[in-house]
Structure formats: structure tokens, C-alpha cells
C-alpha atoms as a PDB file:
ATOM      1  CA  MET A   1      85.355  75.929  33.744  1.00  0.00           C
ATOM      2  CA  LYS A   2      86.067  79.357  32.157  1.00  0.00           C
ATOM      3  CA  ILE A   3      83.033  79.016  29.886  1.00  0.00           C
ATOM      4  CA  ALA A   4      80.788  77.994  32.815  1.00  0.00           C
ATOM      5  CA  LYS A   5      81.990  80.930  34.897  1.00  0.00           C
ATOM      6  CA  ARG A   6      81.443  83.343  31.966  1.00  0.00           C
ATOM      7  CA  LEU A   7      77.865  82.028  31.433  1.00  0.00           C
ATOM      8  CA  VAL A   8      77.075  82.452  35.111  1.00  0.00           C
ATOM      9  CA  LEU A   9      78.399  86.060  35.077  1.00  0.00           C
ATOM     10  CA  THR A  10      76.619  86.894  31.817  1.00  0.00           C
ATOM     11  CA  THR A  11      73.290  85.393  33.082  1.00  0.00           C
ATOM     12  CA  ALA A  12      73.610  87.369  36.344  1.00  0.00           C
ATOM     13  CA  ALA A  13      74.315  90.618  34.465  1.00  0.00           C
ATOM     14  CA  LEU A  14      71.380  90.123  32.101  1.00  0.00           C
ATOM     15  CA  THR A  15      69.049  89.264  34.968  1.00  0.00           C
ATOM     16  CA  ALA A  16      70.079  92.514  36.763  1.00  0.00           C
ATOM     17  CA  VAL A  17      69.635  94.560  33.630  1.00  0.00           C
ATOM     18  CA  THR A  18      66.201  93.025  32.942  1.00  0.00           C
ATOM     19  CA  ALA A  19      65.034  93.675  36.477  1.00  0.00           C
ATOM     20  CA  ALA A  20      66.253  97.281  36.395  1.00  0.00           C
ATOM     21  CA  THR A  21      64.573  97.847  32.999  1.00  0.00           C
ATOM     22  CA  LEU A  22      61.259  96.421  34.158  1.00  0.00           C
ATOM     23  CA  ALA A  23      61.409  98.526  37.334  1.00  0.00           C
ATOM     24  CA  SER A  24      62.192 101.706  35.468  1.00  0.00           C
ATOM     25  CA  ALA A  25      59.401 101.047  32.915  1.00  0.00           C
ATOM     26  CA  THR A  26      56.837 101.315  35.679  1.00  0.00           C
ATOM     27  CA  VAL A  27      58.143 104.627  37.004  1.00  0.00           C
ATOM     28  CA  GLY A  28      57.320 106.855  34.023  1.00  0.00           C
ATOM     29  CA  GLN A  29      58.906 110.182  33.209  1.00  0.00           C
ATOM     30  CA  ALA A  30      57.690 113.697  33.809  1.00  0.00           C
ATOM     31  CA  ALA A  31      57.484 116.026  30.821  1.00  0.00           C
ATOM     32  CA  THR A  32      60.157 118.485  31.879  1.00  0.00           C
ATOM     33  CA  PRO A  33      62.307 120.551  29.533  1.00  0.00           C
ATOM     34  CA  GLN A  34      65.744 118.955  28.931  1.00  0.00           C
ATOM     35  CA  GLN A  35      69.013 120.848  29.202  1.00  0.00           C
ATOM     36  CA  PRO A  36      71.237 120.616  26.087  1.00  0.00           C
ATOM     37  CA  LEU A  37      73.673 117.666  26.385  1.00  0.00           C
ATOM     38  CA  ARG A  38      77.279 118.418  27.266  1.00  0.00           C
ATOM     39  CA  LEU A  39      80.187 116.027  27.115  1.00  0.00           C
ATOM     40  CA  GLY A  40      82.031 117.258  30.225  1.00  0.00           C
ATOM     41  CA  VAL A  41      85.306 115.669  29.004  1.00  0.00           C
ATOM     42  CA  THR A  42      88.101 116.892  26.718  1.00  0.00           C
ATOM     43  CA  VAL A  43      87.983 115.521  23.165  1.00  0.00           C
ATOM     44  CA  PRO A  44      91.336 115.166  21.305  1.00  0.00           C
ATOM     45  CA  ASP A  45      91.296 116.811  17.841  1.00  0.00           C
ATOM     46  CA  ALA A  46      91.755 113.425  16.156  1.00  0.00           C
ATOM     47  CA  LEU A  47      88.419 112.258  17.670  1.00  0.00           C
ATOM     48  CA  LYS A  48      86.246 115.282  16.781  1.00  0.00           C
ATOM     49  CA  VAL A  49      82.949 114.332  15.130  1.00  0.00           C
ATOM     50  CA  PRO A  50      82.504 115.896  11.630  1.00  0.00           C
ATOM     51  CA  ASP A  51      80.284 118.946  11.271  1.00  0.00           C
ATOM     52  CA  GLY A  52      76.639 118.141  10.561  1.00  0.00           C
ATOM     53  CA  ASN A  53      76.287 115.838  13.548  1.00  0.00           C
ATOM     54  CA  LYS A  54      74.774 116.646  16.936  1.00  0.00           C
ATOM     55  CA  LEU A  55      75.377 115.097  20.355  1.00  0.00           C
ATOM     56  CA  THR A  56      72.346 113.048  21.392  1.00  0.00           C
ATOM     57  CA  GLY A  57      73.502 110.877  24.305  1.00  0.00           C
ATOM     58  CA  VAL A  58      76.297 110.724  26.881  1.00  0.00           C
ATOM     59  CA  PHE A  59      76.677 107.581  28.997  1.00  0.00           C
ATOM     60  CA  SER A  60      79.170 106.410  31.604  1.00  0.00           C
ATOM     61  CA  ALA A  61      80.286 102.790  31.249  1.00  0.00           C
ATOM     62  CA  ALA A  62      81.994 100.168  33.267  1.00  0.00           C
ATOM     63  CA  GLY A  63      82.944  96.622  32.300  1.00  0.00           C
ATOM     64  CA  VAL A  64      85.760  94.512  31.002  1.00  0.00           C
ATOM     65  CA  GLN A  65      87.991  94.194  27.985  1.00  0.00           C
ATOM     66  CA  THR A  66      88.481  90.430  27.400  1.00  0.00           C
ATOM     67  CA  TYR A  67      91.678  89.227  25.772  1.00  0.00           C
ATOM     68  CA  THR A  68      92.570  85.820  24.416  1.00  0.00           C
ATOM     69  CA  CYS A  69      95.957  84.258  23.847  1.00  0.00           C
ATOM     70  CA  THR A  70      96.854  84.122  20.134  1.00  0.00           C
ATOM     71  CA  ASN A  71     100.326  82.871  19.148  1.00  0.00           C
ATOM     72  CA  GLY A  72     101.741  83.761  22.562  1.00  0.00           C
ATOM     73  CA  ALA A  73     100.333  87.303  22.682  1.00  0.00           C
ATOM     74  CA  TRP A  74      97.174  88.835  24.130  1.00  0.00           C
ATOM     75  CA  THR A  75      94.622  90.023  21.514  1.00  0.00           C
ATOM     76  CA  LEU A  76      91.266  91.656  22.133  1.00  0.00           C
ATOM     77  CA  LEU A  77      88.404  89.211  22.053  1.00  0.00           C
ATOM     78  CA  GLU A  78      85.519  91.441  23.103  1.00  0.00           C
ATOM     79  CA  PRO A  79      84.330  94.245  25.381  1.00  0.00           C
ATOM     80  CA  ALA A  80      81.516  93.750  27.788  1.00  0.00           C
ATOM     81  CA  ALA A  81      80.180  96.846  29.571  1.00  0.00           C
ATOM     82  CA  THR A  82      77.056  98.279  31.092  1.00  0.00           C
ATOM     83  CA  LEU A  83      76.148 101.903  30.289  1.00  0.00           C
ATOM     84  CA  TRP A  84      74.113 104.290  32.407  1.00  0.00           C
ATOM     85  CA  ALA A  85      73.033 107.932  32.107  1.00  0.00           C
ATOM     86  CA  ARG A  86      76.034 109.999  33.095  1.00  0.00           C
ATOM     87  CA  ASN A  87      74.249 111.864  35.925  1.00  0.00           C
ATOM     88  CA  ASP A  88      72.427 108.850  37.274  1.00  0.00           C
ATOM     89  CA  ARG A  89      73.934 108.107  40.711  1.00  0.00           C
ATOM     90  CA  SER A  90      72.068 104.790  40.930  1.00  0.00           C
ATOM     91  CA  LYS A  91      73.814 103.672  37.752  1.00  0.00           C
ATOM     92  CA  ARG A  92      70.569 102.155  36.374  1.00  0.00           C
ATOM     93  CA  PRO A  93      71.558 100.187  33.198  1.00  0.00           C
ATOM     94  CA  VAL A  94      70.306 101.696  29.998  1.00  0.00           C
ATOM     95  CA  ALA A  95      72.517  99.896  27.452  1.00  0.00           C
ATOM     96  CA  LEU A  96      74.969  96.979  27.030  1.00  0.00           C
ATOM     97  CA  HIS A  97      78.153  97.145  24.990  1.00  0.00           C
ATOM     98  CA  SER A  98      79.664  93.996  23.444  1.00  0.00           C
ATOM     99  CA  ARG A  99      81.548  92.415  20.582  1.00  0.00           C
ATOM    100  CA  GLY A 100      80.955  94.019  17.199  1.00  0.00           C
ATOM    101  CA  PRO A 101      81.359  96.539  18.649  1.00  0.00           C
ATOM    102  CA  VAL A 102      77.680  97.001  19.306  1.00  0.00           C
ATOM    103  CA  TRP A 103      75.604  99.031  21.835  1.00  0.00           C
ATOM    104  CA  VAL A 104      72.061  97.795  22.605  1.00  0.00           C
ATOM    105  CA  SER A 105      69.516  99.775  24.584  1.00  0.00           C
ATOM    106  CA  THR A 106      67.992  97.798  27.419  1.00  0.00           C
ATOM    107  CA  VAL A 107      65.102 100.227  27.476  1.00  0.00           C
ATOM    108  CA  ASP A 108      63.893 100.252  23.890  1.00  0.00           C
ATOM    109  CA  GLY A 109      65.881  97.566  22.045  1.00  0.00           C
ATOM    110  CA  SER A 110      67.524  99.944  19.567  1.00  0.00           C
ATOM    111  CA  ALA A 111      71.114  99.243  18.639  1.00  0.00           C
ATOM    112  CA  VAL A 112      74.144 100.697  16.853  1.00  0.00           C
ATOM    113  CA  ASN A 113      77.188  98.927  15.436  1.00  0.00           C
ATOM    114  CA  GLY A 114      80.420 100.845  14.812  1.00  0.00           C
ATOM    115  CA  SER A 115      83.777 100.609  13.318  1.00  0.00           C
ATOM    116  CA  ALA A 116      86.831 102.552  14.629  1.00  0.00           C
ATOM    117  CA  VAL A 117      87.950 105.373  12.255  1.00  0.00           C
ATOM    118  CA  ALA A 118      90.418 107.119  14.614  1.00  0.00           C
ATOM    119  CA  ASN A 119      92.119 106.612  17.927  1.00  0.00           C
ATOM    120  CA  SER A 120      94.024 108.651  20.474  1.00  0.00           C
ATOM    121  CA  PRO A 121      96.424 106.628  22.615  1.00  0.00           C
ATOM    122  CA  LYS A 122      96.567 107.244  26.401  1.00  0.00           C
ATOM    123  CA  THR A 123      99.361 106.058  28.694  1.00  0.00           C
ATOM    124  CA  GLY A 124      98.255 103.256  31.013  1.00  0.00           C
ATOM    125  CA  THR A 125      94.766 102.780  29.540  1.00  0.00           C
ATOM    126  CA  ILE A 126      93.024 101.654  26.421  1.00  0.00           C
ATOM    127  CA  PRO A 127      92.930 104.358  23.698  1.00  0.00           C
ATOM    128  CA  GLU A 128      90.092 106.805  23.198  1.00  0.00           C
ATOM    129  CA  LEU A 129      88.257 106.134  19.933  1.00  0.00           C
ATOM    130  CA  LEU A 130      86.039 107.694  17.235  1.00  0.00           C
ATOM    131  CA  LEU A 131      83.802 105.072  15.681  1.00  0.00           C
ATOM    132  CA  LYS A 132      81.520 105.497  12.628  1.00  0.00           C
ATOM    133  CA  SER A 133      78.207 103.758  12.631  1.00  0.00           C
ATOM    134  CA  THR A 134      77.985 100.796  10.267  1.00  0.00           C
ATOM    135  CA  ALA A 135      74.380  99.870  11.109  1.00  0.00           C
ATOM    136  CA  THR A 136      71.511 100.858  13.427  1.00  0.00           C
ATOM    137  CA  ARG A 137      68.342  99.039  14.463  1.00  0.00           C
ATOM    138  CA  GLY A 138      65.080 100.218  15.971  1.00  0.00           C
ATOM    139  CA  THR A 139      63.517 103.625  16.600  1.00  0.00           C
ATOM    140  CA  GLY A 140      64.866 104.329  20.041  1.00  0.00           C
ATOM    141  CA  VAL A 141      67.913 106.043  21.545  1.00  0.00           C
ATOM    142  CA  PHE A 142      70.380 104.421  19.122  1.00  0.00           C
ATOM    143  CA  ALA A 143      68.308 104.840  15.957  1.00  0.00           C
ATOM    144  CA  ASP A 144      70.160 106.769  13.232  1.00  0.00           C
ATOM    145  CA  VAL A 145      73.350 107.144  15.278  1.00  0.00           C
ATOM    146  CA  SER A 146      76.155 108.311  12.994  1.00  0.00           C
ATOM    147  CA  TYR A 147      79.208 108.423  15.327  1.00  0.00           C
ATOM    148  CA  VAL A 148      80.243 107.153  18.754  1.00  0.00           C
ATOM    149  CA  GLN A 149      83.181 108.438  20.813  1.00  0.00           C
ATOM    150  CA  ARG A 150      84.884 106.375  23.547  1.00  0.00           C
ATOM    151  CA  LEU A 151      86.431 109.002  25.858  1.00  0.00           C
ATOM    152  CA  ASN A 152      87.802 109.332  29.397  1.00  0.00           C
ATOM    153  CA  THR A 153      89.081 105.792  29.409  1.00  0.00           C
ATOM    154  CA  HIS A 154      90.530 104.105  32.468  1.00  0.00           C
ATOM    155  CA  GLY A 155      92.071 100.579  32.638  1.00  0.00           C
ATOM    156  CA  GLY A 156      91.340  97.776  30.186  1.00  0.00           C
ATOM    157  CA  VAL A 157      94.910  97.257  29.024  1.00  0.00           C
ATOM    158  CA  ALA A 158      96.013  93.765  28.039  1.00  0.00           C
ATOM    159  CA  PRO A 159      98.610  92.104  30.292  1.00  0.00           C
ATOM    160  CA  ALA A 160     102.191  92.767  29.247  1.00  0.00           C
ATOM    161  CA  ALA A 161     103.351  89.207  29.998  1.00  0.00           C
ATOM    162  CA  ALA A 162     103.257  86.538  27.333  1.00  0.00           C
ATOM    163  CA  CYS A 163     100.521  83.922  27.395  1.00  0.00           C
ATOM    164  CA  THR A 164     100.148  80.277  26.450  1.00  0.00           C
ATOM    165  CA  GLY A 165      97.519  78.020  24.954  1.00  0.00           C
ATOM    166  CA  THR A 166      93.951  79.346  24.819  1.00  0.00           C
ATOM    167  CA  ASP A 167      94.108  81.461  28.008  1.00  0.00           C
ATOM    168  CA  GLN A 168      91.697  84.307  28.472  1.00  0.00           C
ATOM    169  CA  VAL A 169      91.778  87.298  30.804  1.00  0.00           C
ATOM    170  CA  SER A 170      89.252  90.059  31.463  1.00  0.00           C
ATOM    171  CA  VAL A 171      90.571  93.485  32.540  1.00  0.00           C
ATOM    172  CA  GLN A 172      88.297  96.081  34.086  1.00  0.00           C
ATOM    173  CA  TYR A 173      87.768  99.397  32.347  1.00  0.00           C
ATOM    174  CA  SER A 174      85.607 102.446  32.413  1.00  0.00           C
ATOM    175  CA  ALA A 175      84.822 105.082  29.834  1.00  0.00           C
ATOM    176  CA  THR A 176      82.413 107.757  28.667  1.00  0.00           C
ATOM    177  CA  TYR A 177      80.525 107.022  25.497  1.00  0.00           C
ATOM    178  CA  ALA A 178      79.053 109.882  23.446  1.00  0.00           C
ATOM    179  CA  PHE A 179      76.559 109.214  20.617  1.00  0.00           C
ATOM    180  CA  TYR A 180      75.847 111.506  17.693  1.00  0.00           C
ATOM    181  CA  LYS A 181      73.120 111.678  14.999  1.00  0.00           C
ATOM    182  CA  PRO A 182      72.984 113.784  11.860  1.00  0.00           C
ATOM    183  CA  ALA A 183      71.820 117.302  12.608  1.00  0.00           C
ATOM    184  CA  GLU A 184      68.402 118.043  11.192  1.00  0.00           C
END
């Protein structure tokens, strides 16, 4: 039953993202000058991106951290989140975040995989992270991404109680993801 429920939820999420992507593709964008990107959140020193990289995207995210029971303790199985432009009040999906970890643009198909290189623990929530890109795909928003920061985290913590068998639990979380590329 758990797998069937997960498939229904995943299918519903992908259907919504596809519909939003198709709708936004018909709108078009005006050629207006863009303001420089700003994070708008505090970055712990341990998570600072090395010099020689520039901020190229900031997205809000909401989703779940899914944990599975392993030897009587909860261990992270995978994240599943939808990202949208930080200032978009309609929260139109522009990317999906999943196991890998990987972020895939729903607009242009580009993707970035990452590996955590530093973390900053926060009480009552999952830690903030600095991830280094291990691979990119495509020519869109995630092409050539060098670093990803997971900041401003809320929720997502595994249950404190012991578990049994092959139980799984998904815990809601939100975060801000910042993407960097090498400065030209």
C-alpha cells in the first residue's frame, strides 16, 4: 500500500509540474533588465562558496525528507521537493529535487548532481549544507553549476522514536536553495 500511495502522489506532483510548465511556456517573458541576485538569508561561514563563483539562482523549496527503518533506526532515503523562484507568489514549479541529490529544471531539462562538502547543524531542523557539483546536464539554468547551498531550513528531521521492519516516514521540510557557477 505504501508503494501505491507513493506512486499516486508522485504521479499527481509530476502532472501538476508538467501542466504548470506547459502553461508558463506559452506566456513568454519580456526583455527587461534583471536585478543582481541576492540571497536574502544569512550564510554560516562553514557554508560560504569559494571565491571565483557567482550566485546564479535562488529558489524556495518545499517537500519531504523520506526516512526508512534500518536496523531499528531512521536513515535518510531521499528528499523530494519542488522549487520555485523565490519571489514568485504563485509558487510555479521550476525544478524538482530528489535522490542523488539531484535538481532537475522542469522548464529546460538541465540538471545538477551534488555531494555535501560541509554542513551547519540547526536545532529542530535538518542541517544547512554546502554541496559541490559532481555532474551537470543540459544548457539551461543548472548547466555548469559548481556549488549548491541549502539554507534557511525548516522541519525535515527524522522521528526520534525507534522503528521496526521496513517502515518509511516522510517529514515535511522547506529550504532556500542557492546555485553558483564559476565567475567568468
